[in-house]
Amino acid sequence: MNILPVNKRLRTLLLIILSGSLLGVSFPPFKTWFFVYFGLMVLLYLVISSGRLRQAFGRTYLTILIFNEITLYWISGWHSDDTFLKIGGVATVIVHSLFMLIPLMVTYGVSRINKEAAIFSFPFIWVGYEYLDNIWQFAFPWLELGNTETYNLTRIQITEITGVHGLSFMICAVSVLLYYTYYRIFSKSWKPSSPKAVLMLIAALIIFLLPNFYGSYRLNSVDNTGYYDLSDTSKVVNTAVVQTNTDPFKKWGGDHNHLLDTYISSLNEGLKFSPDMLILHETSTPYYFLDDYNMLKTKRFF
């Protein structure tokens, strides 16, 4: 039973919204990292099934725009009074979405020659783009697919060997294998129980679980005795890190005494944990110490 609308345009629009939303909520602060696989599968369908370049561009740009808006909305600082920050944030979402079309347009171009080649080359195309996007003047690594695994301590251990791009490649590879299997079954070229379909699913499962296997081994084999003996409590420093959510626009142009009260209150909260050390970030003070000629603010701070 087909749950999507019969109208092709409406169906495509729903798939665009679905793919962009799934990709968006795969990244922190959301912990639904596994949605990235389904988001990529739908995105691949939108690219491969496009009949014209203009159609592929429109589909993918709207998808990536939704994806970027969900993941990057916060840099606009909508709670801020800084107009330029809001404009810059909106511009980032709009322009960066264009850059992310590069691997998708390349995939579309390959699909015009051979669809299977486009599908299986997608992991190489996407990760190649991620790598190149890190080495030019407009580098923007925040939305690399490997970052969806941020909360998975076990799975991210493999990045010490592969780097974040290796994790991105595995995510793309699993998505491609699942999409290709679905594509073959849906087109009735394969049966769900056919050896080829089963083999594809097994391959996807192995690639998916590989970071788990390595991460479990790595975490269980960690030896800290080279740094200190865990039984020597004298070398354990209990630390409280104080990080207030302060609007930079208000921080440098607002009432310094009010901001100092906020930091002092946060420091007192940190003292409740009986730490050996309290840490503030490097730009916590809303003024320069050397410019505080009367030292009144500095005395309050300390």
C-alpha atoms as a PDB file:
ATOM      1  CA  MET A   1       0.000   0.000   0.000  1.00  0.00           C
ATOM      2  CA  ASN A   2       1.410   3.385  -1.017  1.00  0.00           C
ATOM      3  CA  ILE A   3       0.993   5.922   1.806  1.00  0.00           C
ATOM      4  CA  LEU A   4       2.311   8.833  -0.287  1.00  0.00           C
ATOM      5  CA  PRO A   5      -0.013  11.114  -2.297  1.00  0.00           C
ATOM      6  CA  VAL A   6      -0.787  10.191  -5.898  1.00  0.00           C
ATOM      7  CA  ASN A   7       0.005  13.721  -7.058  1.00  0.00           C
ATOM      8  CA  LYS A   8       3.685  13.651  -8.094  1.00  0.00           C
ATOM      9  CA  ARG A   9       4.482  17.232  -7.103  1.00  0.00           C
ATOM     10  CA  LEU A  10       2.924  16.859  -3.680  1.00  0.00           C
ATOM     11  CA  ARG A  11       4.692  13.523  -3.193  1.00  0.00           C
ATOM     12  CA  THR A  12       8.029  15.056  -4.140  1.00  0.00           C
ATOM     13  CA  LEU A  13       7.462  17.998  -1.791  1.00  0.00           C
ATOM     14  CA  LEU A  14       6.703  15.652   1.106  1.00  0.00           C
ATOM     15  CA  LEU A  15       9.846  13.629   0.364  1.00  0.00           C
ATOM     16  CA  ILE A  16      11.911  16.827   0.288  1.00  0.00           C
ATOM     17  CA  ILE A  17      10.559  17.896   3.678  1.00  0.00           C
ATOM     18  CA  LEU A  18      11.023  14.371   5.048  1.00  0.00           C
ATOM     19  CA  SER A  19      14.626  14.049   3.879  1.00  0.00           C
ATOM     20  CA  GLY A  20      15.663  17.522   5.052  1.00  0.00           C
ATOM     21  CA  SER A  21      14.006  17.014   8.431  1.00  0.00           C
ATOM     22  CA  LEU A  22      15.528  13.566   8.984  1.00  0.00           C
ATOM     23  CA  LEU A  23      19.000  14.860   8.167  1.00  0.00           C
ATOM     24  CA  GLY A  24      18.490  17.899  10.382  1.00  0.00           C
ATOM     25  CA  VAL A  25      17.428  16.005  13.503  1.00  0.00           C
ATOM     26  CA  SER A  26      20.306  13.548  13.056  1.00  0.00           C
ATOM     27  CA  PHE A  27      22.765  16.150  14.353  1.00  0.00           C
ATOM     28  CA  PRO A  28      23.289  17.395  17.922  1.00  0.00           C
ATOM     29  CA  PRO A  29      21.604  18.513  20.067  1.00  0.00           C
ATOM     30  CA  PHE A  30      19.173  15.835  18.879  1.00  0.00           C
ATOM     31  CA  LYS A  31      20.122  12.282  19.763  1.00  0.00           C
ATOM     32  CA  THR A  32      18.282  10.674  16.846  1.00  0.00           C
ATOM     33  CA  TRP A  33      21.525  10.074  14.928  1.00  0.00           C
ATOM     34  CA  PHE A  34      20.139   6.985  13.172  1.00  0.00           C
ATOM     35  CA  PHE A  35      17.749   9.142  11.118  1.00  0.00           C
ATOM     36  CA  VAL A  36      20.703  10.134   8.939  1.00  0.00           C
ATOM     37  CA  TYR A  37      20.518   6.784   7.102  1.00  0.00           C
ATOM     38  CA  PHE A  38      16.876   7.241   6.149  1.00  0.00           C
ATOM     39  CA  GLY A  39      17.412  10.895   5.260  1.00  0.00           C
ATOM     40  CA  LEU A  40      20.218   9.953   2.864  1.00  0.00           C
ATOM     41  CA  MET A  41      18.136   7.182   1.303  1.00  0.00           C
ATOM     42  CA  VAL A  42      15.325   9.616   0.491  1.00  0.00           C
ATOM     43  CA  LEU A  43      17.850  12.186  -0.743  1.00  0.00           C
ATOM     44  CA  LEU A  44      19.417   9.614  -3.059  1.00  0.00           C
ATOM     45  CA  TYR A  45      15.991   8.830  -4.476  1.00  0.00           C
ATOM     46  CA  LEU A  46      15.313  12.521  -5.110  1.00  0.00           C
ATOM     47  CA  VAL A  47      18.625  12.854  -6.969  1.00  0.00           C
ATOM     48  CA  ILE A  48      18.545   9.617  -8.961  1.00  0.00           C
ATOM     49  CA  SER A  49      14.895   9.975 -10.010  1.00  0.00           C
ATOM     50  CA  SER A  50      15.307  13.543 -11.285  1.00  0.00           C
ATOM     51  CA  GLY A  51      14.688  13.852 -15.008  1.00  0.00           C
ATOM     52  CA  ARG A  52      16.388  17.200 -15.598  1.00  0.00           C
ATOM     53  CA  LEU A  53      19.212  19.215 -14.066  1.00  0.00           C
ATOM     54  CA  ARG A  54      16.829  21.983 -13.039  1.00  0.00           C
ATOM     55  CA  GLN A  55      14.611  19.455 -11.300  1.00  0.00           C
ATOM     56  CA  ALA A  56      17.564  17.875  -9.490  1.00  0.00           C
ATOM     57  CA  PHE A  57      18.809  21.309  -8.416  1.00  0.00           C
ATOM     58  CA  GLY A  58      15.422  22.386  -7.072  1.00  0.00           C
ATOM     59  CA  ARG A  59      14.810  19.154  -5.194  1.00  0.00           C
ATOM     60  CA  THR A  60      18.220  18.963  -3.584  1.00  0.00           C
ATOM     61  CA  TYR A  61      18.488  22.661  -2.749  1.00  0.00           C
ATOM     62  CA  LEU A  62      15.181  22.683  -0.883  1.00  0.00           C
ATOM     63  CA  THR A  63      16.173  19.502   0.952  1.00  0.00           C
ATOM     64  CA  ILE A  64      19.573  20.843   1.983  1.00  0.00           C
ATOM     65  CA  LEU A  65      18.039  24.224   2.877  1.00  0.00           C
ATOM     66  CA  ILE A  66      15.678  22.533   5.351  1.00  0.00           C
ATOM     67  CA  PHE A  67      18.578  20.443   6.655  1.00  0.00           C
ATOM     68  CA  ASN A  68      20.757  23.534   7.176  1.00  0.00           C
ATOM     69  CA  GLU A  69      17.969  25.558   8.752  1.00  0.00           C
ATOM     70  CA  ILE A  70      17.339  22.890  11.388  1.00  0.00           C
ATOM     71  CA  THR A  71      21.012  22.417  12.242  1.00  0.00           C
ATOM     72  CA  LEU A  72      22.278  26.001  11.906  1.00  0.00           C
ATOM     73  CA  TYR A  73      19.340  28.162  12.995  1.00  0.00           C
ATOM     74  CA  TRP A  74      21.047  28.960  16.301  1.00  0.00           C
ATOM     75  CA  ILE A  75      23.951  30.889  14.762  1.00  0.00           C
ATOM     76  CA  SER A  76      21.496  33.629  13.806  1.00  0.00           C
ATOM     77  CA  GLY A  77      21.088  34.384  17.508  1.00  0.00           C
ATOM     78  CA  TRP A  78      17.365  35.112  17.372  1.00  0.00           C
ATOM     79  CA  HIS A  79      17.413  36.030  21.053  1.00  0.00           C
ATOM     80  CA  SER A  80      20.113  38.619  20.302  1.00  0.00           C
ATOM     81  CA  ASP A  81      19.773  42.327  19.557  1.00  0.00           C
ATOM     82  CA  ASP A  82      22.582  42.132  16.997  1.00  0.00           C
ATOM     83  CA  THR A  83      20.945  42.637  13.591  1.00  0.00           C
ATOM     84  CA  PHE A  84      24.118  41.779  11.684  1.00  0.00           C
ATOM     85  CA  LEU A  85      24.356  38.454  13.520  1.00  0.00           C
ATOM     86  CA  LYS A  86      20.849  37.562  12.368  1.00  0.00           C
ATOM     87  CA  ILE A  87      21.563  38.584   8.779  1.00  0.00           C
ATOM     88  CA  GLY A  88      24.836  36.655   8.782  1.00  0.00           C
ATOM     89  CA  GLY A  89      23.136  33.552  10.161  1.00  0.00           C
ATOM     90  CA  VAL A  90      20.436  33.606   7.491  1.00  0.00           C
ATOM     91  CA  ALA A  91      23.044  34.185   4.777  1.00  0.00           C
ATOM     92  CA  THR A  92      25.083  31.233   6.064  1.00  0.00           C
ATOM     93  CA  VAL A  93      22.107  28.888   5.779  1.00  0.00           C
ATOM     94  CA  ILE A  94      21.231  30.085   2.268  1.00  0.00           C
ATOM     95  CA  VAL A  95      24.773  30.152   0.852  1.00  0.00           C
ATOM     96  CA  HIS A  96      26.144  27.051   2.554  1.00  0.00           C
ATOM     97  CA  SER A  97      23.233  25.054   1.185  1.00  0.00           C
ATOM     98  CA  LEU A  98      24.492  25.920  -2.302  1.00  0.00           C
ATOM     99  CA  PHE A  99      27.951  24.546  -1.537  1.00  0.00           C
ATOM    100  CA  MET A 100      26.449  21.272  -0.308  1.00  0.00           C
ATOM    101  CA  LEU A 101      24.801  20.801  -3.692  1.00  0.00           C
ATOM    102  CA  ILE A 102      28.191  20.086  -5.283  1.00  0.00           C
ATOM    103  CA  PRO A 103      28.356  16.346  -4.440  1.00  0.00           C
ATOM    104  CA  LEU A 104      24.659  15.926  -5.203  1.00  0.00           C
ATOM    105  CA  MET A 105      24.949  17.542  -8.617  1.00  0.00           C
ATOM    106  CA  VAL A 106      27.983  15.372  -9.383  1.00  0.00           C
ATOM    107  CA  THR A 107      25.973  12.309  -8.365  1.00  0.00           C
ATOM    108  CA  TYR A 108      23.128  13.437 -10.612  1.00  0.00           C
ATOM    109  CA  GLY A 109      25.546  13.878 -13.507  1.00  0.00           C
ATOM    110  CA  VAL A 110      26.870  10.352 -13.059  1.00  0.00           C
ATOM    111  CA  SER A 111      23.300   9.019 -12.842  1.00  0.00           C
ATOM    112  CA  ARG A 112      22.584  10.381 -16.317  1.00  0.00           C
ATOM    113  CA  ILE A 113      25.234   7.969 -17.583  1.00  0.00           C
ATOM    114  CA  ASN A 114      24.657   5.020 -15.260  1.00  0.00           C
ATOM    115  CA  LYS A 115      22.337   4.990 -12.250  1.00  0.00           C
ATOM    116  CA  GLU A 116      24.061   2.093 -10.502  1.00  0.00           C
ATOM    117  CA  ALA A 117      27.430   3.791 -10.881  1.00  0.00           C
ATOM    118  CA  ALA A 118      25.950   6.953  -9.363  1.00  0.00           C
ATOM    119  CA  ILE A 119      24.535   5.054  -6.400  1.00  0.00           C
ATOM    120  CA  PHE A 120      27.718   3.175  -5.532  1.00  0.00           C
ATOM    121  CA  SER A 121      30.013   6.138  -6.169  1.00  0.00           C
ATOM    122  CA  PHE A 122      27.980   8.378  -3.864  1.00  0.00           C
ATOM    123  CA  PRO A 123      30.041   7.613  -0.702  1.00  0.00           C
ATOM    124  CA  PHE A 124      33.246   8.550  -2.535  1.00  0.00           C
ATOM    125  CA  ILE A 125      31.707  11.690  -4.024  1.00  0.00           C
ATOM    126  CA  TRP A 126      30.235  12.894  -0.733  1.00  0.00           C
ATOM    127  CA  VAL A 127      33.313  12.197   1.405  1.00  0.00           C
ATOM    128  CA  GLY A 128      35.525  13.698  -1.289  1.00  0.00           C
ATOM    129  CA  TYR A 129      33.461  16.871  -1.022  1.00  0.00           C
ATOM    130  CA  GLU A 130      33.703  16.843   2.785  1.00  0.00           C
ATOM    131  CA  TYR A 131      37.486  16.556   2.590  1.00  0.00           C
ATOM    132  CA  LEU A 132      37.867  19.348   0.032  1.00  0.00           C
ATOM    133  CA  ASP A 133      35.457  21.508   2.013  1.00  0.00           C
ATOM    134  CA  ASN A 134      37.967  21.397   4.885  1.00  0.00           C
ATOM    135  CA  ILE A 135      40.984  22.713   3.022  1.00  0.00           C
ATOM    136  CA  TRP A 136      39.782  25.911   1.345  1.00  0.00           C
ATOM    137  CA  GLN A 137      39.085  29.410   2.637  1.00  0.00           C
ATOM    138  CA  PHE A 138      35.366  28.740   3.227  1.00  0.00           C
ATOM    139  CA  ALA A 139      35.851  25.547   5.241  1.00  0.00           C
ATOM    140  CA  PHE A 140      32.711  24.584   7.147  1.00  0.00           C
ATOM    141  CA  PRO A 141      33.096  21.175   8.838  1.00  0.00           C
ATOM    142  CA  TRP A 142      30.128  21.427  11.190  1.00  0.00           C
ATOM    143  CA  LEU A 143      27.756  19.408   9.023  1.00  0.00           C
ATOM    144  CA  GLU A 144      29.977  16.474   8.129  1.00  0.00           C
ATOM    145  CA  LEU A 145      27.901  13.315   8.404  1.00  0.00           C
ATOM    146  CA  GLY A 146      30.296  11.750  10.899  1.00  0.00           C
ATOM    147  CA  ASN A 147      29.280  14.427  13.402  1.00  0.00           C
ATOM    148  CA  THR A 148      25.890  12.751  13.776  1.00  0.00           C
ATOM    149  CA  GLU A 149      27.678  10.170  15.955  1.00  0.00           C
ATOM    150  CA  THR A 150      28.797  12.790  18.487  1.00  0.00           C
ATOM    151  CA  TYR A 151      26.912  11.251  21.403  1.00  0.00           C
ATOM    152  CA  ASN A 152      27.993   7.682  20.593  1.00  0.00           C
ATOM    153  CA  LEU A 153      31.174   7.312  22.643  1.00  0.00           C
ATOM    154  CA  THR A 154      31.728   3.721  21.554  1.00  0.00           C
ATOM    155  CA  ARG A 155      31.154   4.272  17.841  1.00  0.00           C
ATOM    156  CA  ILE A 156      33.339   7.369  17.520  1.00  0.00           C
ATOM    157  CA  GLN A 157      36.464   5.567  18.776  1.00  0.00           C
ATOM    158  CA  ILE A 158      37.141   4.353  15.251  1.00  0.00           C
ATOM    159  CA  THR A 159      37.814   7.935  14.159  1.00  0.00           C
ATOM    160  CA  GLU A 160      41.297   7.674  15.693  1.00  0.00           C
ATOM    161  CA  ILE A 161      42.038   5.503  12.641  1.00  0.00           C
ATOM    162  CA  THR A 162      39.641   6.742   9.968  1.00  0.00           C
ATOM    163  CA  GLY A 163      39.013  10.321  11.055  1.00  0.00           C
ATOM    164  CA  VAL A 164      35.540  11.811  10.915  1.00  0.00           C
ATOM    165  CA  HIS A 165      35.515  11.342   7.140  1.00  0.00           C
ATOM    166  CA  GLY A 166      35.872   7.592   7.582  1.00  0.00           C
ATOM    167  CA  LEU A 167      32.757   7.619   9.723  1.00  0.00           C
ATOM    168  CA  SER A 168      30.987   9.709   7.081  1.00  0.00           C
ATOM    169  CA  PHE A 169      31.988   7.142   4.466  1.00  0.00           C
ATOM    170  CA  MET A 170      30.517   4.291   6.534  1.00  0.00           C
ATOM    171  CA  ILE A 171      27.256   6.198   6.963  1.00  0.00           C
ATOM    172  CA  CYS A 172      27.051   6.812   3.209  1.00  0.00           C
ATOM    173  CA  ALA A 173      27.963   3.194   2.426  1.00  0.00           C
ATOM    174  CA  VAL A 174      25.245   1.779   4.690  1.00  0.00           C
ATOM    175  CA  SER A 175      22.682   4.201   3.237  1.00  0.00           C
ATOM    176  CA  VAL A 176      23.672   3.258  -0.319  1.00  0.00           C
ATOM    177  CA  LEU A 177      23.399  -0.479   0.337  1.00  0.00           C
ATOM    178  CA  LEU A 178      19.978  -0.059   1.963  1.00  0.00           C
ATOM    179  CA  TYR A 179      18.747   2.222  -0.816  1.00  0.00           C
ATOM    180  CA  TYR A 180      19.981  -0.071  -3.585  1.00  0.00           C
ATOM    181  CA  THR A 181      18.356  -3.089  -1.941  1.00  0.00           C
ATOM    182  CA  TYR A 182      15.075  -1.212  -1.598  1.00  0.00           C
ATOM    183  CA  TYR A 183      15.360   0.028  -5.193  1.00  0.00           C
ATOM    184  CA  ARG A 184      15.855  -3.513  -6.520  1.00  0.00           C
ATOM    185  CA  ILE A 185      13.037  -4.987  -4.454  1.00  0.00           C
ATOM    186  CA  PHE A 186      10.643  -2.150  -5.276  1.00  0.00           C
ATOM    187  CA  SER A 187      11.374  -2.507  -9.006  1.00  0.00           C
ATOM    188  CA  LYS A 188      10.771  -6.267  -8.588  1.00  0.00           C
ATOM    189  CA  SER A 189      14.250  -7.111  -9.846  1.00  0.00           C
ATOM    190  CA  TRP A 190      14.913  -8.911  -6.562  1.00  0.00           C
ATOM    191  CA  LYS A 191      12.762 -10.678  -4.047  1.00  0.00           C
ATOM    192  CA  PRO A 192      13.232  -9.767  -0.367  1.00  0.00           C
ATOM    193  CA  SER A 193      14.543 -13.270   0.302  1.00  0.00           C
ATOM    194  CA  SER A 194      16.816 -13.440  -2.745  1.00  0.00           C
ATOM    195  CA  PRO A 195      20.529 -14.142  -2.085  1.00  0.00           C
ATOM    196  CA  LYS A 196      21.584 -10.758  -3.496  1.00  0.00           C
ATOM    197  CA  ALA A 197      19.181  -8.852  -1.253  1.00  0.00           C
ATOM    198  CA  VAL A 198      20.267 -10.807   1.812  1.00  0.00           C
ATOM    199  CA  LEU A 199      23.942 -10.293   0.932  1.00  0.00           C
ATOM    200  CA  MET A 200      23.436  -6.540   0.592  1.00  0.00           C
ATOM    201  CA  LEU A 201      21.701  -6.338   3.968  1.00  0.00           C
ATOM    202  CA  ILE A 202      24.433  -8.397   5.627  1.00  0.00           C
ATOM    203  CA  ALA A 203      27.096  -6.111   4.147  1.00  0.00           C
ATOM    204  CA  ALA A 204      25.215  -3.052   5.419  1.00  0.00           C
ATOM    205  CA  LEU A 205      24.929  -4.611   8.883  1.00  0.00           C
ATOM    206  CA  ILE A 206      28.650  -5.438   9.035  1.00  0.00           C
ATOM    207  CA  ILE A 207      29.658  -1.902   8.041  1.00  0.00           C
ATOM    208  CA  PHE A 208      27.169  -0.442  10.516  1.00  0.00           C
ATOM    209  CA  LEU A 209      28.441  -2.569  13.419  1.00  0.00           C
ATOM    210  CA  LEU A 210      32.138  -2.160  12.630  1.00  0.00           C
ATOM    211  CA  PRO A 211      32.499   1.034  14.745  1.00  0.00           C
ATOM    212  CA  ASN A 212      30.738  -0.729  17.631  1.00  0.00           C
ATOM    213  CA  PHE A 213      33.130  -3.679  17.551  1.00  0.00           C
ATOM    214  CA  TYR A 214      36.233  -1.519  17.385  1.00  0.00           C
ATOM    215  CA  GLY A 215      34.939   0.988  19.945  1.00  0.00           C
ATOM    216  CA  SER A 216      34.098  -1.724  22.481  1.00  0.00           C
ATOM    217  CA  TYR A 217      37.550  -3.237  22.070  1.00  0.00           C
ATOM    218  CA  ARG A 218      39.263   0.140  22.333  1.00  0.00           C
ATOM    219  CA  LEU A 219      37.426   1.313  25.436  1.00  0.00           C
ATOM    220  CA  ASN A 220      37.952  -2.002  27.210  1.00  0.00           C
ATOM    221  CA  SER A 221      41.670  -2.010  26.459  1.00  0.00           C
ATOM    222  CA  VAL A 222      42.478   1.540  27.554  1.00  0.00           C
ATOM    223  CA  ASP A 223      45.388   1.639  29.982  1.00  0.00           C
ATOM    224  CA  ASN A 224      45.883   4.868  31.938  1.00  0.00           C
ATOM    225  CA  THR A 225      48.708   3.619  34.146  1.00  0.00           C
ATOM    226  CA  GLY A 226      51.170   5.329  31.823  1.00  0.00           C
ATOM    227  CA  TYR A 227      49.741   8.652  32.981  1.00  0.00           C
ATOM    228  CA  TYR A 228      48.797   7.985  36.579  1.00  0.00           C
ATOM    229  CA  ASP A 229      47.672   5.253  38.923  1.00  0.00           C
ATOM    230  CA  LEU A 230      43.916   5.401  39.363  1.00  0.00           C
ATOM    231  CA  SER A 231      44.367   4.434  43.009  1.00  0.00           C
ATOM    232  CA  ASP A 232      46.459   7.579  43.604  1.00  0.00           C
ATOM    233  CA  THR A 233      43.696  10.056  44.433  1.00  0.00           C
ATOM    234  CA  SER A 234      46.208  12.867  44.967  1.00  0.00           C
ATOM    235  CA  LYS A 235      46.463  13.173  41.183  1.00  0.00           C
ATOM    236  CA  VAL A 236      42.722  13.469  40.675  1.00  0.00           C
ATOM    237  CA  VAL A 237      41.582  17.086  40.343  1.00  0.00           C
ATOM    238  CA  ASN A 238      37.870  17.766  40.692  1.00  0.00           C
ATOM    239  CA  THR A 239      37.024  20.623  38.385  1.00  0.00           C
ATOM    240  CA  ALA A 240      33.898  22.720  37.841  1.00  0.00           C
ATOM    241  CA  VAL A 241      33.602  24.512  34.507  1.00  0.00           C
ATOM    242  CA  VAL A 242      31.433  27.634  34.488  1.00  0.00           C
ATOM    243  CA  GLN A 243      29.962  28.602  31.111  1.00  0.00           C
ATOM    244  CA  THR A 244      27.108  31.099  31.160  1.00  0.00           C
ATOM    245  CA  ASN A 245      24.833  31.562  28.180  1.00  0.00           C
ATOM    246  CA  THR A 246      25.683  35.212  27.584  1.00  0.00           C
ATOM    247  CA  ASP A 247      24.753  37.091  24.434  1.00  0.00           C
ATOM    248  CA  PRO A 248      28.051  38.565  23.081  1.00  0.00           C
ATOM    249  CA  PHE A 249      26.191  41.645  21.847  1.00  0.00           C
ATOM    250  CA  LYS A 250      24.938  42.379  25.363  1.00  0.00           C
ATOM    251  CA  LYS A 251      28.179  41.234  26.961  1.00  0.00           C
ATOM    252  CA  TRP A 252      30.350  43.925  25.397  1.00  0.00           C
ATOM    253  CA  GLY A 253      27.746  46.649  25.171  1.00  0.00           C
ATOM    254  CA  GLY A 254      25.597  46.025  28.232  1.00  0.00           C
ATOM    255  CA  ASP A 255      25.750  46.629  31.973  1.00  0.00           C
ATOM    256  CA  HIS A 256      29.002  45.111  33.219  1.00  0.00           C
ATOM    257  CA  ASN A 257      27.830  44.955  36.823  1.00  0.00           C
ATOM    258  CA  HIS A 258      24.808  42.871  35.848  1.00  0.00           C
ATOM    259  CA  LEU A 259      27.028  40.461  33.915  1.00  0.00           C
ATOM    260  CA  LEU A 260      29.431  40.217  36.840  1.00  0.00           C
ATOM    261  CA  ASP A 261      26.507  39.286  39.079  1.00  0.00           C
ATOM    262  CA  THR A 262      25.635  36.496  36.635  1.00  0.00           C
ATOM    263  CA  TYR A 263      29.164  35.081  36.692  1.00  0.00           C
ATOM    264  CA  ILE A 264      29.487  35.372  40.469  1.00  0.00           C
ATOM    265  CA  SER A 265      26.185  33.527  40.880  1.00  0.00           C
ATOM    266  CA  SER A 266      27.389  30.777  38.523  1.00  0.00           C
ATOM    267  CA  LEU A 267      30.697  30.491  40.388  1.00  0.00           C
ATOM    268  CA  ASN A 268      28.826  30.065  43.654  1.00  0.00           C
ATOM    269  CA  GLU A 269      26.756  27.316  42.033  1.00  0.00           C
ATOM    270  CA  GLY A 270      29.984  25.593  41.017  1.00  0.00           C
ATOM    271  CA  LEU A 271      31.269  25.726  44.601  1.00  0.00           C
ATOM    272  CA  LYS A 272      28.395  23.478  45.681  1.00  0.00           C
ATOM    273  CA  PHE A 273      30.269  20.561  44.060  1.00  0.00           C
ATOM    274  CA  SER A 274      33.325  21.210  46.291  1.00  0.00           C
ATOM    275  CA  PRO A 275      35.764  21.404  43.361  1.00  0.00           C
ATOM    276  CA  ASP A 276      39.524  21.767  43.623  1.00  0.00           C
ATOM    277  CA  MET A 277      39.422  24.177  40.720  1.00  0.00           C
ATOM    278  CA  LEU A 278      36.919  26.533  39.103  1.00  0.00           C
ATOM    279  CA  ILE A 279      37.388  27.255  35.397  1.00  0.00           C
ATOM    280  CA  LEU A 280      35.963  30.128  33.364  1.00  0.00           C
ATOM    281  CA  HIS A 281      36.295  30.429  29.603  1.00  0.00           C
ATOM    282  CA  GLU A 282      38.975  32.745  28.231  1.00  0.00           C
ATOM    283  CA  THR A 283      36.629  35.633  27.341  1.00  0.00           C
ATOM    284  CA  SER A 284      34.378  35.459  30.380  1.00  0.00           C
ATOM    285  CA  THR A 285      35.129  38.944  31.705  1.00  0.00           C
ATOM    286  CA  PRO A 286      33.083  41.625  29.900  1.00  0.00           C
ATOM    287  CA  TYR A 287      35.950  44.098  30.076  1.00  0.00           C
ATOM    288  CA  TYR A 288      39.750  44.216  29.836  1.00  0.00           C
ATOM    289  CA  PHE A 289      41.545  43.913  33.155  1.00  0.00           C
ATOM    290  CA  LEU A 290      44.155  46.490  32.137  1.00  0.00           C
ATOM    291  CA  ASP A 291      41.424  49.004  31.311  1.00  0.00           C
ATOM    292  CA  ASP A 292      39.817  48.693  34.735  1.00  0.00           C
ATOM    293  CA  TYR A 293      41.863  51.519  36.235  1.00  0.00           C
ATOM    294  CA  ASN A 294      40.097  51.599  39.589  1.00  0.00           C
ATOM    295  CA  MET A 295      40.161  47.770  39.869  1.00  0.00           C
ATOM    296  CA  LEU A 296      36.641  47.896  41.308  1.00  0.00           C
ATOM    297  CA  LYS A 297      35.179  45.379  38.863  1.00  0.00           C
ATOM    298  CA  THR A 298      38.167  43.089  39.202  1.00  0.00           C
ATOM    299  CA  LYS A 299      37.860  43.077  42.995  1.00  0.00           C
ATOM    300  CA  ARG A 300      34.197  42.091  42.685  1.00  0.00           C
ATOM    301  CA  PHE A 301      35.065  39.384  40.201  1.00  0.00           C
ATOM    302  CA  PHE A 302      37.602  37.755  42.483  1.00  0.00           C
END
